[in-house]
Amino acid sequence: MKKIFNKWSLLILILIGGVILLVPYTDSKVSARDKGIYKDIKTFSEVLDLVKKNYVDEVEPHALIQGAINGMIKTLDPHSSFMNAAMYKELEVETQGRFGGIGIEITLLKDILTVVSPIEDTPAYNAGVKSGDQIIRIDGKSTKDISIMEAVQKLRGPKDTTVTITIMRENMEKPRDIVLKRAIIQIKSVKAKSLEDNIGYIRIASFHERTADDLQKALKEVTGKQHPMKGLVLDLRNDPGGLLTQAIEVSDMFLKSGGIVSTRGRTKSMESKVSAKDDGNEITCPIVVLVNEGTASAAEIVAGALQDNGRALIVGTQTFGKASVQTVIPLEDGAALKLTTARYYTPKGRSIQAEGIKPDIIVKPTKRVEERDNVWDERIREKDLKGHIKPAKEDGTKLDEAPVKDIKDPADLTNDNQMKAAVDILKSWDIMRKNLNN
């Protein structure tokens, strides 16, 4: 069959081929690999040309190419994605912690759009959306094969506009439509409270652009009310993470010295090692960090840094296990590529990818707490996500692969046994230290 190359296919060959020509030919294996890539590009060009000319309806070449790019990125891992200009703008808004939407954390569980957690006091929360709900339609359109970024784009929108989600829930006989009026979702990253016996409590809900600044204010607020502060509970439960830079700044507030995190990827530019600096104003009281299966990414960096440096006791259950770094690369047309470019490691060189951080003291939530917060019996973790990357040692060699609502009232020790355990540990800290010194 005679090969016909139109201007679109030629453009693809020239652009992609130009990139390939920049790769040095170091041995015969590389050369053979590049020849295979050229062959695949030729096949792609032929398919594109055939679809354009013979598909039953006229198709837009740009949409076809965008679909091909999306398909390519989906073969990598669940955290890499291609974003068009509108999606990229949504991501930028999200990192600022304020946006118009319905107030839910979502993920893809077994290729089904699933609610991880509704955010407290938001339209979704107030309408009764619960953890584990499957969103099967948005405004009447199926969510089958939808990406996270596509779903976010459909769910967000201007304040007071409406969106209808169709959910399925365990023991629900048929799908249920829920009409939600969007609101301005203001995520309060840091919350602080004073507990009994001069014990402070700080919760970090996520890591946004203002998290470190908000934490600084919260620490001043708590320490200002308690002289001296005997201990601090740092609650990172159900914290999905966020900005790496903020995780580093937060860790540095509790450490006078020692490593915080290191990263390693395929390129030299992705290698880094960050250590704490002694600013002279770090708090010196004992710290207990609360974690669970919903503690992920940037929150795991903080927990790992404090654990490896012996600065805090980690209490709760094993964390989510997301130890990969995503780099957002803007493209010329306003779109962007969010690409997994490195793994991160704790100060002792541990890769917790798909494994998570194991607490020093394991305390599982009581059944009463699980029922109150409507937690799944089997919570989602990184290892459950399709296509997750494998863990690795710090030298890069591979290892075998071996979320819930916020606690409303941290002072409610009766219903929150993990909080009670943390407070009891801090109360007895001085007694234990005296016994050890004797």
Protein backbone atom coordinates (compact mmCIF):
# COMPACT_ATOMS: atom_id res chain seq x y z
CA MET A 1 0.00 0.00 0.00
CA LYS A 2 1.35 3.41 -0.91
CA LYS A 3 2.19 5.51 2.12
CA ILE A 4 0.58 8.95 2.14
CA PHE A 5 1.96 11.56 4.56
CA ASN A 6 0.01 14.78 4.96
CA LYS A 7 1.26 17.97 6.59
CA TRP A 8 0.14 16.79 10.07
CA SER A 9 2.01 13.49 9.95
CA LEU A 10 5.10 15.16 8.50
CA LEU A 11 5.04 17.73 11.29
CA ILE A 12 4.88 14.99 13.92
CA LEU A 13 7.77 13.12 12.31
CA ILE A 14 9.92 16.25 12.11
CA LEU A 15 9.23 17.39 15.68
CA ILE A 16 9.61 14.01 17.34
CA GLY A 17 12.43 12.98 15.06
CA GLY A 18 14.27 16.19 15.90
CA VAL A 19 14.17 15.32 19.57
CA ILE A 20 15.44 11.82 18.87
CA LEU A 21 18.37 13.10 16.80
CA LEU A 22 19.60 14.98 19.88
CA VAL A 23 20.12 11.68 21.72
CA PRO A 24 23.73 10.47 21.36
CA TYR A 25 24.30 7.09 19.74
CA THR A 26 26.52 5.40 22.31
CA ASP A 27 26.12 1.75 21.30
CA SER A 28 24.27 -0.63 19.02
CA LYS A 29 21.48 -1.17 21.55
CA VAL A 30 20.65 2.54 21.57
CA SER A 31 20.67 2.61 17.78
CA ALA A 32 18.34 -0.37 17.60
CA ARG A 33 16.04 1.26 20.13
CA ASP A 34 15.86 4.49 18.13
CA LYS A 35 15.09 2.57 14.96
CA GLY A 36 12.21 0.93 16.82
CA ILE A 37 10.94 4.36 17.88
CA TYR A 38 11.04 5.61 14.28
CA LYS A 39 9.06 2.56 13.21
CA ASP A 40 6.43 3.20 15.91
CA ILE A 41 6.18 6.87 14.89
CA LYS A 42 5.64 5.81 11.29
CA THR A 43 2.85 3.47 12.40
CA PHE A 44 1.27 6.26 14.45
CA SER A 45 1.38 8.55 11.43
CA GLU A 46 -0.28 5.94 9.24
CA VAL A 47 -3.06 5.35 11.79
CA LEU A 48 -3.64 9.09 12.20
CA ASP A 49 -3.92 9.49 8.42
CA LEU A 50 -6.31 6.53 8.07
CA VAL A 51 -8.58 7.76 10.88
CA LYS A 52 -8.71 11.27 9.42
CA LYS A 53 -9.65 10.02 5.96
CA ASN A 54 -11.87 7.03 6.70
CA TYR A 55 -13.60 7.47 10.07
CA VAL A 56 -17.40 7.62 9.74
CA ASP A 57 -17.51 11.23 10.98
CA GLU A 58 -15.10 14.08 10.36
CA VAL A 59 -12.59 14.34 13.19
CA GLU A 60 -10.37 17.13 14.43
CA PRO A 61 -6.65 16.22 14.12
CA HIS A 62 -5.82 18.25 17.24
CA ALA A 63 -8.26 16.20 19.33
CA LEU A 64 -6.77 12.97 18.00
CA ILE A 65 -3.24 14.02 18.88
CA GLN A 66 -4.33 15.20 22.34
CA GLY A 67 -5.95 11.81 22.88
CA ALA A 68 -2.76 10.06 21.81
CA ILE A 69 -0.71 12.15 24.25
CA ASN A 70 -3.13 11.36 27.08
CA GLY A 71 -2.92 7.66 26.27
CA MET A 72 0.87 7.80 26.30
CA ILE A 73 1.05 9.48 29.70
CA LYS A 74 -1.52 7.10 31.21
CA THR A 75 0.88 4.20 30.60
CA LEU A 76 3.38 5.72 33.08
CA ASP A 77 1.99 6.01 36.63
CA PRO A 78 -1.15 7.37 38.34
CA HIS A 79 0.45 10.72 39.21
CA SER A 80 1.70 11.75 35.76
CA SER A 81 -0.79 13.57 33.53
CA PHE A 82 -1.13 15.84 30.52
CA MET A 83 -3.07 19.03 31.19
CA ASN A 84 -4.55 21.32 28.61
CA ALA A 85 -4.44 25.06 29.32
CA ALA A 86 -7.66 25.05 31.37
CA MET A 87 -6.55 22.06 33.46
CA TYR A 88 -3.16 23.65 34.10
CA LYS A 89 -4.88 26.78 35.35
CA GLU A 90 -6.95 24.64 37.74
CA LEU A 91 -3.78 23.10 39.15
CA GLU A 92 -2.26 26.52 39.76
CA VAL A 93 -5.42 27.59 41.57
CA GLU A 94 -5.41 24.43 43.70
CA THR A 95 -1.91 25.06 45.07
CA GLN A 96 -3.16 28.42 46.37
CA GLY A 97 -5.76 26.63 48.52
CA ARG A 98 -8.78 28.66 47.35
CA PHE A 99 -11.08 27.77 44.45
CA GLY A 100 -14.70 27.44 43.36
CA GLY A 101 -16.02 23.90 43.70
CA ILE A 102 -17.96 21.38 45.76
CA GLY A 103 -15.29 20.35 48.28
CA ILE A 104 -14.17 16.74 47.79
CA GLU A 105 -10.91 14.80 47.51
CA ILE A 106 -11.15 12.24 44.69
CA THR A 107 -9.10 9.40 43.23
CA LEU A 108 -9.45 6.58 40.71
CA LEU A 109 -9.99 3.25 42.47
CA LYS A 110 -10.10 0.30 40.08
CA ASP A 111 -10.69 2.83 37.27
CA ILE A 112 -13.80 4.23 39.04
CA LEU A 113 -13.95 7.87 40.15
CA THR A 114 -14.18 7.58 43.93
CA VAL A 115 -14.53 10.05 46.79
CA VAL A 116 -11.63 9.83 49.24
CA SER A 117 -13.10 12.42 51.57
CA PRO A 118 -15.51 15.37 51.58
CA ILE A 119 -13.95 18.55 52.97
CA GLU A 120 -15.66 19.72 56.13
CA ASP A 121 -18.29 22.49 55.83
CA THR A 122 -18.43 22.44 52.01
CA PRO A 123 -21.38 21.79 49.66
CA ALA A 124 -20.46 18.12 49.22
CA TYR A 125 -20.03 17.56 52.95
CA ASN A 126 -23.30 19.30 53.81
CA ALA A 127 -25.18 17.31 51.13
CA GLY A 128 -24.09 14.01 52.66
CA VAL A 129 -21.41 12.90 50.18
CA LYS A 130 -19.32 10.26 51.95
CA SER A 131 -15.94 8.58 51.72
CA GLY A 132 -16.12 5.64 49.32
CA ASP A 133 -18.94 7.06 47.18
CA GLN A 134 -18.45 6.22 43.51
CA ILE A 135 -19.20 9.11 41.15
CA ILE A 136 -20.53 7.39 38.04
CA ARG A 137 -21.86 10.49 36.24
CA ILE A 138 -21.21 14.24 36.29
CA ASP A 139 -24.04 16.35 34.85
CA GLY A 140 -25.49 13.21 33.30
CA LYS A 141 -22.30 12.19 31.48
CA SER A 142 -20.53 8.96 32.35
CA THR A 143 -17.21 9.17 34.20
CA LYS A 144 -15.94 5.95 32.62
CA ASP A 145 -12.30 6.40 31.52
CA ILE A 146 -12.21 9.93 32.94
CA SER A 147 -8.91 11.25 34.32
CA ILE A 148 -8.57 12.98 37.69
CA MET A 149 -7.77 16.32 36.04
CA GLU A 150 -10.78 16.02 33.71
CA ALA A 151 -13.04 15.26 36.68
CA VAL A 152 -11.65 18.20 38.64
CA GLN A 153 -12.28 20.50 35.69
CA LYS A 154 -15.92 19.37 35.48
CA LEU A 155 -16.58 19.60 39.23
CA ARG A 156 -15.08 23.05 39.76
CA GLY A 157 -16.63 26.26 38.57
CA PRO A 158 -17.83 29.73 39.57
CA LYS A 159 -19.54 30.26 42.90
CA ASP A 160 -23.34 29.62 42.97
CA THR A 161 -23.34 27.58 39.74
CA THR A 162 -24.64 24.01 40.06
CA VAL A 163 -23.31 20.58 39.18
CA THR A 164 -25.09 17.24 39.47
CA ILE A 165 -23.15 14.17 40.54
CA THR A 166 -24.59 10.67 40.35
CA ILE A 167 -23.24 8.41 43.06
CA MET A 168 -23.33 4.75 43.97
CA ARG A 169 -22.74 3.64 47.53
CA GLU A 170 -22.47 0.29 49.24
CA ASN A 171 -25.95 -1.10 50.04
CA MET A 172 -27.53 1.49 47.72
CA GLU A 173 -30.10 -0.16 45.43
CA LYS A 174 -29.80 2.36 42.59
CA PRO A 175 -27.71 5.44 41.72
CA ARG A 176 -28.61 8.71 43.39
CA ASP A 177 -28.40 12.18 41.88
CA ILE A 178 -27.09 14.96 44.12
CA VAL A 179 -27.38 18.57 42.93
CA LEU A 180 -24.66 20.73 44.44
CA LYS A 181 -24.25 24.50 44.38
CA ARG A 182 -20.58 25.40 44.06
CA ALA A 183 -19.00 27.65 46.66
CA ILE A 184 -15.60 29.22 47.25
CA ILE A 185 -13.61 26.44 48.89
CA GLN A 186 -11.10 27.95 51.27
CA ILE A 187 -8.89 25.20 52.57
CA LYS A 188 -7.55 26.12 55.98
CA SER A 189 -4.19 24.43 55.91
CA VAL A 190 -3.30 24.76 59.61
CA LYS A 191 -5.45 24.57 62.74
CA ALA A 192 -4.20 25.04 66.30
CA LYS A 193 -5.62 24.36 69.75
CA SER A 194 -4.44 24.23 73.36
CA LEU A 195 -5.03 20.97 75.21
CA GLU A 196 -4.79 20.05 78.88
CA ASP A 197 -1.55 20.02 80.87
CA ASN A 198 0.17 22.60 78.63
CA ILE A 199 0.05 20.37 75.58
CA GLY A 200 -0.38 22.02 72.19
CA TYR A 201 -2.20 20.62 69.16
CA ILE A 202 -1.55 21.57 65.53
CA ARG A 203 -3.20 19.98 62.53
CA ILE A 204 -1.89 20.39 58.99
CA ALA A 205 -4.64 19.49 56.53
CA SER A 206 -2.56 19.92 53.34
CA PHE A 207 0.54 21.66 52.03
CA HIS A 208 -0.27 24.82 50.06
CA GLU A 209 1.61 28.03 49.30
CA ARG A 210 0.82 29.52 52.74
CA THR A 211 1.25 26.41 54.92
CA ALA A 212 4.67 27.30 56.39
CA ASP A 213 3.55 30.86 57.17
CA ASP A 214 0.31 29.61 58.73
CA LEU A 215 2.24 27.08 60.80
CA GLN A 216 4.57 29.79 62.08
CA LYS A 217 1.56 31.79 63.28
CA ALA A 218 -0.03 28.70 64.83
CA LEU A 219 3.14 27.85 66.74
CA LYS A 220 3.31 31.39 68.14
CA GLU A 221 -0.35 31.18 69.12
CA VAL A 222 0.04 27.87 70.94
CA THR A 223 3.33 28.65 72.66
CA GLY A 224 2.02 32.08 73.66
CA LYS A 225 -0.81 30.49 75.65
CA GLN A 226 1.31 27.85 77.36
CA HIS A 227 4.42 28.54 79.45
CA PRO A 228 6.16 26.25 79.22
CA MET A 229 4.67 23.99 76.54
CA LYS A 230 5.24 20.44 77.75
CA GLY A 231 4.54 18.77 74.43
CA LEU A 232 3.05 19.12 70.95
CA VAL A 233 0.72 16.86 68.97
CA LEU A 234 1.30 17.36 65.24
CA ASP A 235 -1.69 15.82 63.44
CA LEU A 236 -0.95 14.77 59.84
CA ARG A 237 -3.79 12.26 59.54
CA ASN A 238 -5.63 12.37 56.21
CA ASP A 239 -3.20 15.00 54.89
CA PRO A 240 -2.87 14.23 51.15
CA GLY A 241 0.33 16.28 50.79
CA GLY A 242 1.00 19.08 48.35
CA LEU A 243 4.04 21.25 47.70
CA LEU A 244 7.48 19.76 48.35
CA THR A 245 8.93 23.18 49.20
CA GLN A 246 6.37 23.64 51.97
CA ALA A 247 7.11 20.19 53.42
CA ILE A 248 10.79 21.17 53.64
CA GLU A 249 10.03 24.50 55.35
CA VAL A 250 7.67 22.83 57.82
CA SER A 251 10.23 20.15 58.71
CA ASP A 252 12.90 22.81 59.22
CA MET A 253 10.73 24.50 61.86
CA PHE A 254 11.11 21.46 64.12
CA LEU A 255 14.75 20.56 63.37
CA LYS A 256 17.96 22.35 64.33
CA SER A 257 20.11 20.05 62.19
CA GLY A 258 20.04 16.83 60.21
CA GLY A 259 18.70 15.84 56.82
CA ILE A 260 15.13 16.52 55.72
CA VAL A 261 14.77 14.83 52.35
CA SER A 262 16.75 13.83 49.28
CA THR A 263 15.55 13.22 45.73
CA ARG A 264 16.97 11.07 42.96
CA GLY A 265 15.81 10.70 39.36
CA ARG A 266 17.28 9.70 36.01
CA THR A 267 18.75 13.13 35.37
CA LYS A 268 21.39 14.92 37.41
CA SER A 269 19.13 17.95 37.79
CA MET A 270 16.67 15.89 39.86
CA GLU A 271 19.28 14.98 42.47
CA SER A 272 19.10 17.05 45.63
CA LYS A 273 19.67 16.79 49.36
CA VAL A 274 18.14 19.22 51.84
CA SER A 275 19.26 19.66 55.45
CA ALA A 276 17.78 21.63 58.33
CA LYS A 277 19.17 24.99 59.43
CA ASP A 278 19.40 26.16 63.03
CA ASP A 279 17.31 29.34 63.08
CA GLY A 280 17.44 29.57 66.86
CA ASN A 281 13.64 29.58 67.26
CA GLU A 282 12.77 25.88 66.88
CA ILE A 283 10.53 24.50 69.61
CA THR A 284 12.32 22.12 71.95
CA CYS A 285 9.42 20.30 73.62
CA PRO A 286 8.63 16.62 72.86
CA ILE A 287 6.55 16.01 69.72
CA VAL A 288 4.14 13.22 68.81
CA VAL A 289 3.13 13.03 65.13
CA LEU A 290 -0.20 11.37 64.31
CA VAL A 291 -0.41 9.56 60.95
CA ASN A 292 -2.71 7.12 59.16
CA GLU A 293 -3.35 5.62 55.73
CA GLY A 294 -4.47 9.04 54.47
CA THR A 295 -1.10 10.64 55.30
CA ALA A 296 0.64 11.02 51.94
CA SER A 297 3.40 12.69 49.93
CA ALA A 298 4.54 15.98 51.53
CA ALA A 299 3.02 14.92 54.86
CA GLU A 300 5.10 11.73 54.73
CA ILE A 301 8.23 13.81 54.10
CA VAL A 302 7.63 15.70 57.36
CA ALA A 303 6.85 12.53 59.32
CA GLY A 304 9.90 10.75 57.87
CA ALA A 305 12.24 13.67 58.60
CA LEU A 306 11.14 13.94 62.23
CA GLN A 307 11.25 10.17 62.72
CA ASP A 308 14.70 9.62 61.20
CA ASN A 309 16.18 12.51 63.18
CA GLY A 310 14.71 11.19 66.44
CA ARG A 311 12.81 14.44 66.87
CA ALA A 312 9.33 12.95 67.26
CA LEU A 313 7.47 9.75 68.00
CA ILE A 314 5.22 8.65 65.13
CA VAL A 315 1.89 7.27 66.34
CA GLY A 316 -1.05 5.81 64.40
CA THR A 317 -1.16 3.49 61.40
CA GLN A 318 1.04 2.98 58.34
CA THR A 319 0.94 5.87 55.87
CA PHE A 320 -0.16 6.00 52.23
CA GLY A 321 3.26 5.41 50.63
CA LYS A 322 3.61 8.08 47.93
CA ALA A 323 7.32 8.88 47.68
CA SER A 324 7.52 10.25 44.16
CA VAL A 325 8.16 13.78 42.95
CA GLN A 326 6.07 15.35 40.16
CA THR A 327 7.48 18.17 38.07
CA VAL A 328 5.05 20.46 36.24
CA ILE A 329 6.52 21.41 32.85
CA PRO A 330 4.69 24.25 31.04
CA LEU A 331 4.27 23.85 27.27
CA GLU A 332 4.18 26.53 24.60
CA ASP A 333 0.43 26.46 23.98
CA GLY A 334 -0.46 27.03 27.65
CA ALA A 335 -0.79 23.34 28.42
CA ALA A 336 1.51 21.51 30.83
CA LEU A 337 2.90 18.08 31.56
CA LYS A 338 2.89 16.82 35.14
CA LEU A 339 5.58 14.16 35.07
CA THR A 340 6.98 11.91 37.78
CA THR A 341 10.69 12.76 37.64
CA ALA A 342 12.17 11.46 40.89
CA ARG A 343 11.75 9.40 44.03
CA TYR A 344 12.34 11.01 47.39
CA TYR A 345 14.14 9.44 50.33
CA THR A 346 14.01 10.03 54.07
CA PRO A 347 17.17 11.27 55.84
CA LYS A 348 18.28 7.66 56.48
CA GLY A 349 17.94 6.81 52.79
CA ARG A 350 14.61 5.00 53.02
CA SER A 351 12.34 4.89 49.99
CA ILE A 352 8.80 4.54 51.31
CA GLN A 353 7.25 4.37 47.82
CA ALA A 354 4.28 1.94 47.87
CA GLU A 355 5.22 1.02 51.45
CA GLY A 356 4.61 4.05 53.65
CA ILE A 357 6.04 5.07 57.01
CA LYS A 358 5.64 2.60 59.84
CA PRO A 359 4.72 4.32 63.12
CA ASP A 360 6.94 3.90 66.17
CA ILE A 361 3.77 3.05 68.08
CA ILE A 362 0.88 1.50 66.17
CA VAL A 363 -2.53 2.68 67.38
CA LYS A 364 -5.51 1.73 65.27
CA PRO A 365 -8.67 3.84 65.47
CA THR A 366 -11.51 2.35 67.49
CA LYS A 367 -14.49 0.96 65.65
CA ARG A 368 -16.61 3.83 66.97
CA VAL A 369 -14.32 6.39 65.32
CA GLU A 370 -14.37 4.48 62.03
CA GLU A 371 -18.16 4.33 62.04
CA ARG A 372 -18.46 8.03 62.87
CA ASP A 373 -16.13 9.07 60.07
CA ASN A 374 -17.45 6.51 57.58
CA VAL A 375 -13.99 5.14 56.84
CA TRP A 376 -13.58 2.30 54.34
CA ASP A 377 -12.68 -1.07 55.83
CA GLU A 378 -9.89 -1.29 53.25
CA ARG A 379 -8.50 2.18 52.74
CA ILE A 380 -6.78 3.24 49.54
CA ARG A 381 -3.01 3.37 49.58
CA GLU A 382 -0.40 4.02 46.91
CA LYS A 383 0.15 0.31 46.30
CA ASP A 384 -3.56 -0.04 45.39
CA LEU A 385 -3.34 2.48 42.54
CA LYS A 386 -3.00 1.04 39.05
CA GLY A 387 0.46 1.56 37.56
CA HIS A 388 2.15 2.89 40.72
CA ILE A 389 5.94 3.08 40.50
CA LYS A 390 8.02 0.62 42.49
CA PRO A 391 10.08 1.58 45.54
CA ALA A 392 13.85 1.81 45.22
CA LYS A 393 16.94 2.00 47.39
CA GLU A 394 18.81 5.28 47.49
CA ASP A 395 21.33 3.93 44.97
CA GLY A 396 18.46 3.46 42.50
CA THR A 397 18.17 -0.35 42.65
CA LYS A 398 14.63 -1.69 42.74
CA LEU A 399 13.03 -3.31 45.79
CA ASP A 400 10.36 -5.99 45.75
CA GLU A 401 6.97 -4.52 46.25
CA ALA A 402 6.20 -6.00 49.39
CA PRO A 403 -8.93 8.79 53.43
CA VAL A 404 -11.37 10.08 55.93
CA LYS A 405 -12.78 13.32 57.37
CA ASP A 406 -10.91 15.64 59.69
CA ILE A 407 -11.30 15.06 63.40
CA LYS A 408 -13.69 17.86 64.31
CA ASP A 409 -12.70 18.33 67.94
CA PRO A 410 -9.13 17.40 68.86
CA ALA A 411 -10.01 17.77 72.53
CA ASP A 412 -12.54 14.94 72.28
CA LEU A 413 -10.23 12.27 73.71
CA THR A 414 -13.12 9.93 74.46
CA ASN A 415 -13.92 9.24 70.80
CA ASP A 416 -10.42 9.62 69.34
CA ASN A 417 -8.18 6.96 70.86
CA GLN A 418 -5.21 7.93 68.66
CA MET A 419 -5.31 11.49 70.03
CA LYS A 420 -5.70 10.11 73.55
CA ALA A 421 -2.62 7.92 73.05
CA ALA A 422 -0.59 10.92 71.84
CA VAL A 423 -1.61 13.07 74.81
CA ASP A 424 -0.93 10.23 77.29
CA ILE A 425 2.57 9.78 75.81
CA LEU A 426 3.34 13.49 76.20
CA LYS A 427 1.95 13.58 79.73
CA SER A 428 4.25 10.75 80.79
CA TRP A 429 7.28 11.98 78.80
CA ASP A 430 9.05 13.59 81.78
CA ILE A 431 8.40 10.53 83.95
CA MET A 432 9.89 8.21 81.31
CA ARG A 433 12.91 10.47 80.83
CA LYS A 434 13.60 10.58 84.59
CA ASN A 435 13.36 6.78 84.80
CA LEU A 436 15.78 6.38 81.89
CA ASN A 437 18.29 8.77 83.49
CA ASN A 438 18.21 6.94 86.84
